[in-house]
Amino acid sequence: MVTQNQIKRTLAQPTTIAYVAGLLNDGGEFVHRTELADFLCEECGFHDARGHAQRDGCLKALRELEAAGH
C-alpha cells in the first residue's frame, strides 16, 4: 500500500517533475488536474490495498508541487 507521503516523495523527485512538466507541455492531453492524477496513479502504481487509485493523495501532491513553483 502506498501512503500519501510516498506519493508526494515520488512526485517530488526531479525526474518525475521533469516527466510531468513534459506531459503538460507536450500537447495539452490533460485538460484537468484530475485527468493527470488518474494517469499518474496508473503510471506510478499509486493504489490502495483494495486496488483503487489514490487520486486524492496524488491531487494533493500535485497542488503542493504547483504551489512550490514546479
N, C-alpha and C. Protein backbone atom coordinates (compact mmCIF):
# COMPACT_ATOMS: atom_id res chain seq x y z
N MET A 1 0.84 -1.18 0.00
CA MET A 1 0.00 0.00 0.00
C MET A 1 0.89 1.24 0.00
N VAL A 2 0.57 2.19 -0.83
CA VAL A 2 1.34 3.42 -0.94
C VAL A 2 0.65 4.49 -0.10
N THR A 3 1.39 5.09 0.82
CA THR A 3 0.80 6.14 1.63
C THR A 3 0.98 7.47 0.92
N GLN A 4 0.30 8.48 1.42
CA GLN A 4 0.33 9.78 0.79
C GLN A 4 1.74 10.37 0.79
N ASN A 5 2.52 10.13 1.85
CA ASN A 5 3.89 10.63 1.89
C ASN A 5 4.71 10.03 0.76
N GLN A 6 4.49 8.77 0.44
CA GLN A 6 5.23 8.15 -0.64
C GLN A 6 4.81 8.73 -1.99
N ILE A 7 3.57 9.09 -2.13
CA ILE A 7 3.11 9.74 -3.37
C ILE A 7 3.83 11.07 -3.53
N LYS A 8 3.82 11.86 -2.48
CA LYS A 8 4.47 13.17 -2.54
C LYS A 8 5.96 13.00 -2.79
N ARG A 9 6.60 12.05 -2.13
CA ARG A 9 8.03 11.82 -2.30
C ARG A 9 8.32 11.41 -3.74
N THR A 10 7.50 10.55 -4.29
CA THR A 10 7.70 10.09 -5.66
C THR A 10 7.52 11.23 -6.66
N LEU A 11 6.47 12.00 -6.49
CA LEU A 11 6.20 13.09 -7.43
C LEU A 11 7.17 14.25 -7.27
N ALA A 12 7.83 14.36 -6.13
CA ALA A 12 8.76 15.47 -5.90
C ALA A 12 10.17 15.18 -6.40
N GLN A 13 10.42 13.99 -6.90
CA GLN A 13 11.73 13.67 -7.44
C GLN A 13 11.95 14.47 -8.73
N PRO A 14 13.16 14.97 -8.93
CA PRO A 14 13.44 15.81 -10.12
C PRO A 14 13.08 15.13 -11.44
N THR A 15 13.32 13.84 -11.55
CA THR A 15 12.99 13.16 -12.81
C THR A 15 11.49 13.10 -13.03
N THR A 16 10.74 12.91 -11.96
CA THR A 16 9.27 12.86 -12.08
C THR A 16 8.72 14.25 -12.38
N ILE A 17 9.28 15.26 -11.76
CA ILE A 17 8.84 16.64 -12.03
C ILE A 17 9.07 16.96 -13.50
N ALA A 18 10.22 16.59 -14.03
CA ALA A 18 10.51 16.82 -15.45
C ALA A 18 9.55 16.03 -16.34
N TYR A 19 9.22 14.81 -15.94
CA TYR A 19 8.29 13.98 -16.71
C TYR A 19 6.90 14.61 -16.75
N VAL A 20 6.42 15.06 -15.60
CA VAL A 20 5.10 15.68 -15.53
C VAL A 20 5.09 16.99 -16.32
N ALA A 21 6.15 17.78 -16.21
CA ALA A 21 6.23 19.03 -16.97
C ALA A 21 6.20 18.73 -18.47
N GLY A 22 6.87 17.68 -18.89
CA GLY A 22 6.85 17.28 -20.29
C GLY A 22 5.46 16.87 -20.74
N LEU A 23 4.74 16.16 -19.87
CA LEU A 23 3.37 15.76 -20.21
C LEU A 23 2.48 16.98 -20.39
N LEU A 24 2.66 17.96 -19.52
CA LEU A 24 1.82 19.15 -19.57
C LEU A 24 2.17 20.05 -20.75
N ASN A 25 3.43 20.08 -21.14
CA ASN A 25 3.88 20.96 -22.22
C ASN A 25 3.75 20.33 -23.59
N ASP A 26 3.60 19.01 -23.65
CA ASP A 26 3.61 18.31 -24.94
C ASP A 26 2.43 18.65 -25.84
N GLY A 27 1.24 18.31 -25.44
CA GLY A 27 0.14 18.51 -26.36
C GLY A 27 -1.16 18.88 -25.70
N GLY A 28 -1.11 19.17 -24.44
CA GLY A 28 -2.36 19.52 -23.76
C GLY A 28 -3.32 18.35 -23.65
N GLU A 29 -2.77 17.15 -23.52
CA GLU A 29 -3.61 15.95 -23.41
C GLU A 29 -4.48 15.99 -22.16
N PHE A 30 -3.99 16.66 -21.13
CA PHE A 30 -4.71 16.70 -19.85
C PHE A 30 -5.38 18.05 -19.69
N VAL A 31 -6.70 18.04 -19.70
CA VAL A 31 -7.46 19.27 -19.57
C VAL A 31 -7.58 19.66 -18.10
N HIS A 32 -7.74 18.66 -17.24
CA HIS A 32 -7.92 18.90 -15.81
C HIS A 32 -6.83 18.20 -15.02
N ARG A 33 -6.56 18.73 -13.83
CA ARG A 33 -5.57 18.12 -12.96
C ARG A 33 -6.00 16.70 -12.58
N THR A 34 -7.30 16.45 -12.49
CA THR A 34 -7.79 15.12 -12.13
C THR A 34 -7.40 14.09 -13.19
N GLU A 35 -7.46 14.47 -14.45
CA GLU A 35 -7.04 13.54 -15.52
C GLU A 35 -5.56 13.21 -15.38
N LEU A 36 -4.76 14.22 -15.06
CA LEU A 36 -3.34 14.00 -14.86
C LEU A 36 -3.11 13.09 -13.65
N ALA A 37 -3.84 13.32 -12.57
CA ALA A 37 -3.70 12.49 -11.37
C ALA A 37 -4.07 11.04 -11.66
N ASP A 38 -5.14 10.82 -12.39
CA ASP A 38 -5.54 9.45 -12.75
C ASP A 38 -4.45 8.77 -13.59
N PHE A 39 -3.88 9.50 -14.53
CA PHE A 39 -2.82 8.97 -15.36
C PHE A 39 -1.60 8.62 -14.52
N LEU A 40 -1.21 9.53 -13.61
CA LEU A 40 -0.04 9.29 -12.78
C LEU A 40 -0.26 8.13 -11.81
N CYS A 41 -1.47 7.97 -11.33
CA CYS A 41 -1.77 6.83 -10.45
C CYS A 41 -1.51 5.52 -11.18
N GLU A 42 -1.89 5.46 -12.44
CA GLU A 42 -1.65 4.25 -13.22
C GLU A 42 -0.16 4.09 -13.55
N GLU A 43 0.49 5.17 -13.96
CA GLU A 43 1.90 5.11 -14.35
C GLU A 43 2.81 4.77 -13.17
N CYS A 44 2.52 5.35 -12.01
CA CYS A 44 3.41 5.19 -10.85
C CYS A 44 2.93 4.12 -9.88
N GLY A 45 1.75 3.55 -10.12
CA GLY A 45 1.25 2.48 -9.26
C GLY A 45 0.73 2.96 -7.92
N PHE A 46 0.11 4.14 -7.90
CA PHE A 46 -0.46 4.66 -6.66
C PHE A 46 -1.85 4.05 -6.45
N HIS A 47 -1.89 2.92 -5.76
CA HIS A 47 -3.14 2.22 -5.48
C HIS A 47 -3.19 1.81 -4.02
N ASP A 48 -4.39 1.77 -3.46
CA ASP A 48 -4.52 1.33 -2.08
C ASP A 48 -4.63 -0.19 -2.03
N ALA A 49 -4.86 -0.72 -0.86
CA ALA A 49 -4.91 -2.17 -0.67
C ALA A 49 -6.06 -2.82 -1.45
N ARG A 50 -7.10 -2.07 -1.72
CA ARG A 50 -8.23 -2.60 -2.49
C ARG A 50 -8.05 -2.46 -3.99
N GLY A 51 -6.94 -1.84 -4.40
CA GLY A 51 -6.67 -1.70 -5.82
C GLY A 51 -7.21 -0.42 -6.43
N HIS A 52 -7.77 0.46 -5.60
CA HIS A 52 -8.30 1.72 -6.10
C HIS A 52 -7.19 2.76 -6.22
N ALA A 53 -7.27 3.56 -7.24
CA ALA A 53 -6.28 4.62 -7.43
C ALA A 53 -6.37 5.62 -6.28
N GLN A 54 -5.23 6.11 -5.84
CA GLN A 54 -5.18 7.10 -4.77
C GLN A 54 -5.18 8.50 -5.35
N ARG A 55 -6.28 8.82 -6.01
CA ARG A 55 -6.42 10.09 -6.71
C ARG A 55 -6.27 11.28 -5.78
N ASP A 56 -6.92 11.23 -4.62
CA ASP A 56 -6.88 12.38 -3.71
C ASP A 56 -5.46 12.69 -3.23
N GLY A 57 -4.70 11.67 -2.88
CA GLY A 57 -3.32 11.89 -2.45
C GLY A 57 -2.47 12.44 -3.58
N CYS A 58 -2.71 11.96 -4.78
CA CYS A 58 -1.97 12.44 -5.94
C CYS A 58 -2.34 13.89 -6.25
N LEU A 59 -3.62 14.21 -6.17
CA LEU A 59 -4.06 15.59 -6.40
C LEU A 59 -3.44 16.55 -5.38
N LYS A 60 -3.40 16.12 -4.12
CA LYS A 60 -2.82 16.97 -3.08
C LYS A 60 -1.34 17.21 -3.36
N ALA A 61 -0.63 16.15 -3.71
CA ALA A 61 0.79 16.29 -4.00
C ALA A 61 1.01 17.21 -5.20
N LEU A 62 0.18 17.09 -6.23
CA LEU A 62 0.31 17.96 -7.41
C LEU A 62 0.04 19.42 -7.05
N ARG A 63 -0.98 19.66 -6.21
CA ARG A 63 -1.27 21.04 -5.78
C ARG A 63 -0.10 21.63 -4.99
N GLU A 64 0.49 20.81 -4.11
CA GLU A 64 1.61 21.30 -3.31
C GLU A 64 2.84 21.58 -4.18
N LEU A 65 3.07 20.74 -5.15
CA LEU A 65 4.20 20.97 -6.06
C LEU A 65 3.98 22.23 -6.90
N GLU A 66 2.74 22.43 -7.34
CA GLU A 66 2.44 23.63 -8.11
C GLU A 66 2.62 24.89 -7.24
N ALA A 67 2.18 24.82 -5.99
CA ALA A 67 2.33 25.97 -5.09
C ALA A 67 3.81 26.25 -4.80
N ALA A 68 4.64 25.21 -4.87
CA ALA A 68 6.07 25.38 -4.64
C ALA A 68 6.80 25.87 -5.90
N GLY A 69 6.07 26.01 -7.00
CA GLY A 69 6.65 26.57 -8.21
C GLY A 69 7.11 25.55 -9.23
N HIS A 70 6.71 24.31 -9.08
CA HIS A 70 7.10 23.28 -10.04
C HIS A 70 6.05 23.09 -11.11
